[in-house]
């Protein structure tokens, strides 16, 4: 197995999906604050309550999990899924009754 093949199984995608109550003003603010937190952490909005982010492996995933847990709103449901980069490249997307082209996965991890 080549280094590239190994990396595609080590590199991961994190999906955060949530259903947060917004019936009161405080709940609405908490949901907005959580969405903004995810954006500030580098997550990309996939759908209204689904956010995704690329990470370099299990250690980085665990660090994100600790920070997500520290920023959970007071109520509602939050689910976190992970996919290897190799699994993510097989996701099928539809938009407006048409299949969308697959997104290009990052070729390498960018450090800033």
Protein backbone atom coordinates (compact mmCIF):
# COMPACT_ATOMS: atom_id res chain seq x y z
CA UNK A 1 0.00 0.00 0.00
CA UNK A 2 1.34 3.46 -0.88
CA UNK A 3 1.55 6.41 1.50
CA UNK A 4 -1.31 8.12 -0.39
CA UNK A 5 -3.56 5.09 0.09
CA UNK A 6 -2.77 4.98 3.79
CA UNK A 7 -3.50 8.68 4.18
CA UNK A 8 -6.91 8.39 2.54
CA UNK A 9 -7.88 5.97 5.32
CA UNK A 10 -6.26 8.03 8.10
CA UNK A 11 -7.56 11.44 7.03
CA UNK A 12 -11.10 12.08 8.19
CA UNK A 13 -14.21 14.16 7.74
CA UNK A 14 -16.30 15.22 10.73
CA UNK A 15 -20.02 15.82 10.26
CA UNK A 16 -21.96 17.61 13.01
CA UNK A 17 -25.73 17.29 12.67
CA UNK A 18 -28.11 18.88 15.12
CA UNK A 19 -31.75 19.55 15.93
CA UNK A 20 -31.92 22.46 18.33
CA UNK A 21 -35.08 24.01 19.74
CA UNK A 22 -35.72 27.61 18.72
CA UNK A 23 -39.11 28.30 20.29
CA UNK A 24 -37.80 30.91 22.73
CA UNK A 25 -35.50 33.84 22.14
CA UNK A 26 -32.82 32.28 24.39
CA UNK A 27 -32.98 28.96 22.49
CA UNK A 28 -32.71 30.76 19.16
CA UNK A 29 -29.64 32.66 20.38
CA UNK A 30 -28.06 29.43 21.65
CA UNK A 31 -28.64 27.71 18.28
CA UNK A 32 -27.16 30.68 16.41
CA UNK A 33 -24.18 30.75 18.77
CA UNK A 34 -23.55 27.02 18.17
CA UNK A 35 -23.73 27.46 14.38
CA UNK A 36 -21.30 30.38 14.58
CA UNK A 37 -18.99 28.36 16.81
CA UNK A 38 -18.84 25.60 14.17
CA UNK A 39 -18.05 28.13 11.43
CA UNK A 40 -15.33 29.69 13.61
CA UNK A 41 -13.82 26.20 14.06
CA UNK A 42 -13.53 25.81 10.29
CA UNK A 43 -16.65 23.74 9.67
CA UNK A 44 -18.46 24.28 6.38
CA UNK A 45 -22.25 24.49 6.20
CA UNK A 46 -23.51 21.52 4.19
CA UNK A 47 -27.18 22.03 5.06
CA UNK A 48 -28.94 24.24 7.62
CA UNK A 49 -28.15 21.93 10.55
CA UNK A 50 -25.35 19.87 9.03
CA UNK A 51 -21.74 21.05 9.13
CA UNK A 52 -18.61 19.27 7.88
CA UNK A 53 -14.89 19.65 8.42
CA UNK A 54 -11.76 17.88 7.21
CA UNK A 55 -9.24 16.77 9.83
CA UNK A 56 -5.89 15.00 9.84
CA UNK A 57 -6.80 11.97 11.91
CA UNK A 58 -8.11 10.50 15.14
CA UNK A 59 -6.08 12.77 17.43
CA UNK A 60 -7.36 15.94 15.79
CA UNK A 61 -10.90 14.51 15.75
CA UNK A 62 -10.70 13.92 19.53
CA UNK A 63 -9.55 17.53 20.05
CA UNK A 64 -12.53 18.80 18.03
CA UNK A 65 -14.86 16.53 20.00
CA UNK A 66 -13.67 18.01 23.31
CA UNK A 67 -14.19 21.56 22.00
CA UNK A 68 -17.61 20.73 20.54
CA UNK A 69 -18.65 19.20 23.86
CA UNK A 70 -17.51 22.36 25.66
CA UNK A 71 -19.69 24.47 23.33
CA UNK A 72 -22.91 22.43 23.24
CA UNK A 73 -26.13 24.40 23.66
CA UNK A 74 -28.21 23.72 26.77
CA UNK A 75 -30.86 21.67 24.96
CA UNK A 76 -31.46 19.80 21.72
CA UNK A 77 -29.74 16.92 19.97
CA UNK A 78 -26.27 16.98 18.42
CA UNK A 79 -24.83 14.01 16.50
CA UNK A 80 -21.24 13.75 15.30
CA UNK A 81 -20.22 11.33 12.55
CA UNK A 82 -16.83 10.64 11.07
CA UNK A 83 -15.87 9.28 7.68
CA UNK A 84 -12.46 8.46 6.36
CA UNK A 85 -11.41 10.51 3.37
CA UNK A 86 -11.75 7.35 1.28
CA UNK A 87 -15.37 6.83 2.42
CA UNK A 88 -16.22 10.51 1.90
CA UNK A 89 -15.16 10.45 -1.74
CA UNK A 90 -18.03 7.97 -2.42
CA UNK A 91 -20.82 10.18 -1.05
CA UNK A 92 -23.53 10.80 -3.67
CA UNK A 93 -25.08 14.29 -3.70
CA UNK A 94 -28.30 15.45 -5.33
CA UNK A 95 -29.48 19.00 -5.84
CA UNK A 96 -32.74 19.91 -7.56
CA UNK A 97 -33.33 16.34 -8.80
CA UNK A 98 -29.86 16.17 -10.36
CA UNK A 99 -26.80 14.34 -9.24
CA UNK A 100 -24.04 16.76 -8.34
CA UNK A 101 -20.42 16.23 -9.22
CA UNK A 102 -18.33 14.84 -6.42
CA UNK A 103 -16.46 17.40 -4.39
CA UNK A 104 -12.72 17.28 -4.73
CA UNK A 105 -11.17 16.20 -1.46
CA UNK A 106 -8.19 18.21 -0.25
CA UNK A 107 -4.96 16.85 -1.70
CA UNK A 108 -3.04 17.64 1.46
CA UNK A 109 -3.57 19.15 4.84
CA UNK A 110 -3.04 22.90 4.78
CA UNK A 111 -1.49 24.46 7.87
CA UNK A 112 -1.99 28.12 8.63
